[in-house]
Amino acid sequence: MNAVIYARYSSSNQREESTEGQVRECKAYAEKNGQTIVGIYIDRARSATTDNRPDFKKMIKDSSNKKFDAVIVWKLDRFARNRYDSAHYKRLLRKNSV
């Protein structure tokens, strides 16, 4: 199964190491579960309270190309903090067989 990783940190008070740790944990999860990482999307200093996140939007758009089957996130709040956005984008991903 091909997967991508989505990581982000929300404020300029946080450091780049925040996403590095997320990616490291997601890669370990993928390896443990037989998934191949085919891409990594990272938004820096972007809140998940909105979808105004360039790499997040690119990941959603790229899901229509059928190049990956799953999205791995360190914690669900990295994906979205707003229930509506979370449900909406999960639905789009499912529609694209992700």
N, C-alpha and C. Protein backbone atom coordinates (compact mmCIF):
# COMPACT_ATOMS: atom_id res chain seq x y z
N MET A 1 0.85 -1.18 0.00
CA MET A 1 0.00 0.00 0.00
C MET A 1 0.90 1.24 0.00
N ASN A 2 0.60 2.16 -0.89
CA ASN A 2 1.33 3.43 -0.95
C ASN A 2 0.64 4.46 -0.05
N ALA A 3 1.44 5.20 0.68
CA ALA A 3 0.89 6.20 1.60
C ALA A 3 1.71 7.48 1.51
N VAL A 4 1.07 8.56 1.95
CA VAL A 4 1.76 9.84 2.11
C VAL A 4 1.67 10.23 3.58
N ILE A 5 2.56 11.11 3.97
CA ILE A 5 2.56 11.63 5.33
C ILE A 5 2.15 13.09 5.26
N TYR A 6 1.27 13.49 6.19
CA TYR A 6 0.95 14.91 6.33
C TYR A 6 1.38 15.34 7.73
N ALA A 7 2.20 16.39 7.79
CA ALA A 7 2.67 16.92 9.07
C ALA A 7 2.54 18.44 9.05
N ARG A 8 2.38 19.00 10.23
CA ARG A 8 2.31 20.46 10.31
C ARG A 8 2.58 20.90 11.73
N TYR A 9 2.97 22.15 11.85
CA TYR A 9 2.96 22.79 13.16
C TYR A 9 2.25 24.12 12.98
N SER A 10 1.66 24.62 14.07
CA SER A 10 0.68 25.68 13.92
C SER A 10 1.19 27.09 14.14
N SER A 11 2.28 27.27 14.83
CA SER A 11 2.67 28.66 15.09
C SER A 11 4.16 28.86 14.93
N SER A 12 4.52 30.09 14.75
CA SER A 12 5.93 30.42 14.60
C SER A 12 6.70 30.21 15.91
N ASN A 13 5.97 29.96 17.02
CA ASN A 13 6.62 29.67 18.29
C ASN A 13 7.18 28.25 18.32
N GLN A 14 6.67 27.40 17.43
CA GLN A 14 7.16 26.03 17.37
C GLN A 14 8.33 25.96 16.40
N ARG A 15 9.05 24.85 16.46
CA ARG A 15 10.24 24.73 15.64
C ARG A 15 10.10 23.63 14.60
N GLU A 16 10.98 23.68 13.62
CA GLU A 16 11.01 22.69 12.54
C GLU A 16 11.08 21.27 13.07
N GLU A 17 11.74 21.08 14.22
CA GLU A 17 11.87 19.74 14.79
C GLU A 17 10.50 19.11 15.06
N SER A 18 9.50 19.95 15.25
CA SER A 18 8.15 19.46 15.48
C SER A 18 7.70 18.57 14.32
N THR A 19 7.88 19.03 13.09
CA THR A 19 7.47 18.22 11.94
C THR A 19 8.43 17.06 11.72
N GLU A 20 9.70 17.25 12.02
CA GLU A 20 10.66 16.16 11.85
C GLU A 20 10.27 14.96 12.73
N GLY A 21 9.86 15.23 13.96
CA GLY A 21 9.42 14.17 14.85
C GLY A 21 8.16 13.49 14.35
N GLN A 22 7.22 14.28 13.83
CA GLN A 22 6.00 13.70 13.29
C GLN A 22 6.31 12.78 12.12
N VAL A 23 7.16 13.24 11.22
CA VAL A 23 7.51 12.45 10.05
C VAL A 23 8.22 11.16 10.47
N ARG A 24 9.12 11.26 11.41
CA ARG A 24 9.85 10.09 11.91
C ARG A 24 8.87 9.04 12.46
N GLU A 25 7.92 9.49 13.28
CA GLU A 25 6.93 8.56 13.86
C GLU A 25 6.03 7.95 12.77
N CYS A 26 5.65 8.77 11.80
CA CYS A 26 4.79 8.27 10.72
C CYS A 26 5.53 7.26 9.85
N LYS A 27 6.81 7.50 9.60
CA LYS A 27 7.61 6.55 8.81
C LYS A 27 7.73 5.22 9.56
N ALA A 28 7.92 5.28 10.86
CA ALA A 28 8.01 4.06 11.66
C ALA A 28 6.69 3.28 11.60
N TYR A 29 5.58 4.01 11.69
CA TYR A 29 4.26 3.38 11.59
C TYR A 29 4.09 2.69 10.23
N ALA A 30 4.47 3.40 9.17
CA ALA A 30 4.33 2.86 7.82
C ALA A 30 5.17 1.58 7.66
N GLU A 31 6.39 1.62 8.13
CA GLU A 31 7.27 0.46 8.02
C GLU A 31 6.69 -0.73 8.78
N LYS A 32 6.20 -0.47 9.98
CA LYS A 32 5.62 -1.52 10.82
C LYS A 32 4.39 -2.15 10.17
N ASN A 33 3.67 -1.35 9.36
CA ASN A 33 2.42 -1.82 8.76
C ASN A 33 2.54 -2.12 7.27
N GLY A 34 3.76 -2.23 6.76
CA GLY A 34 3.97 -2.62 5.37
C GLY A 34 3.54 -1.60 4.34
N GLN A 35 3.56 -0.33 4.71
CA GLN A 35 3.18 0.73 3.78
C GLN A 35 4.44 1.40 3.22
N THR A 36 4.37 1.80 1.95
CA THR A 36 5.47 2.49 1.29
C THR A 36 5.14 3.98 1.22
N ILE A 37 6.03 4.80 1.76
CA ILE A 37 5.83 6.26 1.73
C ILE A 37 6.23 6.77 0.35
N VAL A 38 5.28 7.40 -0.34
CA VAL A 38 5.53 7.92 -1.68
C VAL A 38 5.51 9.45 -1.72
N GLY A 39 5.26 10.08 -0.59
CA GLY A 39 5.26 11.54 -0.53
C GLY A 39 5.10 12.04 0.88
N ILE A 40 5.58 13.26 1.09
CA ILE A 40 5.45 13.92 2.40
C ILE A 40 4.99 15.35 2.16
N TYR A 41 3.94 15.73 2.84
CA TYR A 41 3.39 17.08 2.76
C TYR A 41 3.55 17.73 4.12
N ILE A 42 4.10 18.94 4.14
CA ILE A 42 4.35 19.63 5.41
C ILE A 42 3.91 21.08 5.30
N ASP A 43 3.10 21.51 6.25
CA ASP A 43 2.74 22.92 6.37
C ASP A 43 3.39 23.46 7.64
N ARG A 44 4.13 24.53 7.48
CA ARG A 44 4.85 25.14 8.59
C ARG A 44 4.14 26.41 9.04
N ALA A 45 3.97 26.56 10.35
CA ALA A 45 3.30 27.72 10.95
C ALA A 45 1.92 27.95 10.34
N ARG A 46 1.16 26.85 10.23
CA ARG A 46 -0.21 26.91 9.71
C ARG A 46 -1.15 26.23 10.68
N SER A 47 -2.19 26.91 11.03
CA SER A 47 -3.18 26.34 11.94
C SER A 47 -4.10 25.38 11.18
N ALA A 48 -4.59 24.37 11.87
CA ALA A 48 -5.54 23.44 11.28
C ALA A 48 -6.98 23.86 11.55
N THR A 49 -7.16 25.06 12.07
CA THR A 49 -8.54 25.54 12.29
C THR A 49 -9.17 25.97 10.97
N THR A 50 -8.36 26.13 9.93
CA THR A 50 -8.88 26.42 8.59
C THR A 50 -8.17 25.49 7.60
N ASP A 51 -8.64 25.52 6.37
CA ASP A 51 -7.97 24.72 5.34
C ASP A 51 -6.99 25.57 4.53
N ASN A 52 -6.66 26.74 5.04
CA ASN A 52 -5.70 27.62 4.37
C ASN A 52 -4.27 27.12 4.61
N ARG A 53 -4.00 25.93 4.05
CA ARG A 53 -2.70 25.28 4.21
C ARG A 53 -2.28 24.74 2.84
N PRO A 54 -1.27 25.35 2.23
CA PRO A 54 -0.90 24.99 0.85
C PRO A 54 -0.59 23.51 0.62
N ASP A 55 0.23 22.90 1.47
CA ASP A 55 0.56 21.49 1.24
C ASP A 55 -0.63 20.59 1.52
N PHE A 56 -1.47 20.96 2.46
CA PHE A 56 -2.69 20.18 2.73
C PHE A 56 -3.57 20.17 1.48
N LYS A 57 -3.79 21.35 0.91
CA LYS A 57 -4.62 21.44 -0.30
C LYS A 57 -3.99 20.67 -1.46
N LYS A 58 -2.67 20.74 -1.58
CA LYS A 58 -1.97 20.00 -2.64
C LYS A 58 -2.15 18.50 -2.44
N MET A 59 -2.07 18.04 -1.19
CA MET A 59 -2.26 16.62 -0.90
C MET A 59 -3.67 16.18 -1.31
N ILE A 60 -4.67 16.96 -0.96
CA ILE A 60 -6.05 16.62 -1.33
C ILE A 60 -6.18 16.56 -2.85
N LYS A 61 -5.63 17.55 -3.52
CA LYS A 61 -5.69 17.58 -4.99
C LYS A 61 -4.95 16.37 -5.58
N ASP A 62 -3.77 16.08 -5.05
CA ASP A 62 -2.97 14.96 -5.55
C ASP A 62 -3.66 13.62 -5.33
N SER A 63 -4.56 13.54 -4.36
CA SER A 63 -5.24 12.27 -4.09
C SER A 63 -6.06 11.80 -5.29
N SER A 64 -6.45 12.71 -6.15
CA SER A 64 -7.23 12.33 -7.33
C SER A 64 -6.38 11.63 -8.38
N ASN A 65 -5.04 11.69 -8.26
CA ASN A 65 -4.15 11.05 -9.22
C ASN A 65 -3.95 9.57 -8.95
N LYS A 66 -4.52 9.06 -7.85
CA LYS A 66 -4.45 7.64 -7.48
C LYS A 66 -3.02 7.14 -7.26
N LYS A 67 -2.12 8.01 -6.81
CA LYS A 67 -0.74 7.60 -6.57
C LYS A 67 -0.52 7.14 -5.13
N PHE A 68 -1.51 7.35 -4.27
CA PHE A 68 -1.41 6.86 -2.90
C PHE A 68 -2.76 6.39 -2.41
N ASP A 69 -2.70 5.47 -1.44
CA ASP A 69 -3.91 4.82 -0.94
C ASP A 69 -4.28 5.26 0.47
N ALA A 70 -3.34 5.95 1.15
CA ALA A 70 -3.58 6.31 2.54
C ALA A 70 -2.81 7.58 2.90
N VAL A 71 -3.33 8.27 3.90
CA VAL A 71 -2.65 9.42 4.48
C VAL A 71 -2.34 9.06 5.93
N ILE A 72 -1.08 9.25 6.31
CA ILE A 72 -0.67 8.97 7.68
C ILE A 72 -0.39 10.30 8.38
N VAL A 73 -0.99 10.49 9.54
CA VAL A 73 -0.73 11.67 10.35
C VAL A 73 -0.32 11.21 11.75
N TRP A 74 0.51 12.02 12.39
CA TRP A 74 0.97 11.69 13.73
C TRP A 74 -0.20 11.69 14.72
N LYS A 75 -1.05 12.69 14.62
CA LYS A 75 -2.27 12.83 15.43
C LYS A 75 -3.34 13.42 14.54
N LEU A 76 -4.57 13.07 14.80
CA LEU A 76 -5.67 13.56 13.96
C LEU A 76 -5.74 15.08 13.93
N ASP A 77 -5.33 15.76 15.01
CA ASP A 77 -5.41 17.22 15.01
C ASP A 77 -4.40 17.85 14.05
N ARG A 78 -3.45 17.07 13.52
CA ARG A 78 -2.55 17.57 12.48
C ARG A 78 -3.32 17.70 11.17
N PHE A 79 -4.32 16.84 10.97
CA PHE A 79 -5.14 16.84 9.76
C PHE A 79 -6.13 18.01 9.78
N ALA A 80 -6.88 18.13 10.85
CA ALA A 80 -7.87 19.21 10.98
C ALA A 80 -8.32 19.33 12.42
N ARG A 81 -8.63 20.54 12.82
CA ARG A 81 -9.18 20.76 14.16
C ARG A 81 -10.68 21.05 14.10
N ASN A 82 -11.15 21.41 12.96
CA ASN A 82 -12.55 21.71 12.75
C ASN A 82 -13.26 20.43 12.29
N ARG A 83 -14.31 20.02 12.99
CA ARG A 83 -15.02 18.78 12.65
C ARG A 83 -15.57 18.80 11.23
N TYR A 84 -16.10 19.93 10.83
CA TYR A 84 -16.65 20.03 9.48
C TYR A 84 -15.55 19.80 8.44
N ASP A 85 -14.41 20.52 8.59
CA ASP A 85 -13.30 20.36 7.65
C ASP A 85 -12.80 18.92 7.64
N SER A 86 -12.67 18.33 8.82
CA SER A 86 -12.20 16.96 8.91
C SER A 86 -13.11 16.02 8.13
N ALA A 87 -14.41 16.12 8.36
CA ALA A 87 -15.37 15.25 7.67
C ALA A 87 -15.37 15.52 6.17
N HIS A 88 -15.32 16.77 5.80
CA HIS A 88 -15.34 17.16 4.38
C HIS A 88 -14.13 16.58 3.63
N TYR A 89 -12.95 16.77 4.19
CA TYR A 89 -11.75 16.30 3.50
C TYR A 89 -11.58 14.79 3.57
N LYS A 90 -12.03 14.17 4.63
CA LYS A 90 -12.02 12.71 4.67
C LYS A 90 -12.94 12.16 3.59
N ARG A 91 -14.09 12.81 3.39
CA ARG A 91 -15.02 12.38 2.35
C ARG A 91 -14.38 12.51 0.97
N LEU A 92 -13.69 13.63 0.73
CA LEU A 92 -13.00 13.81 -0.57
C LEU A 92 -11.94 12.75 -0.78
N LEU A 93 -11.17 12.45 0.26
CA LEU A 93 -10.15 11.42 0.15
C LEU A 93 -10.79 10.05 -0.15
N ARG A 94 -11.86 9.73 0.55
CA ARG A 94 -12.55 8.46 0.30
C ARG A 94 -13.06 8.39 -1.13
N LYS A 95 -13.60 9.51 -1.61
CA LYS A 95 -14.10 9.58 -2.99
C LYS A 95 -12.97 9.26 -3.98
N ASN A 96 -11.74 9.64 -3.61
CA ASN A 96 -10.58 9.37 -4.45
C ASN A 96 -9.89 8.04 -4.09
N SER A 97 -10.61 7.19 -3.36
CA SER A 97 -10.14 5.86 -2.96
C SER A 97 -8.92 5.90 -2.03
N VAL A 98 -8.84 6.93 -1.22
CA VAL A 98 -7.76 7.04 -0.23
C VAL A 98 -8.34 6.79 1.14
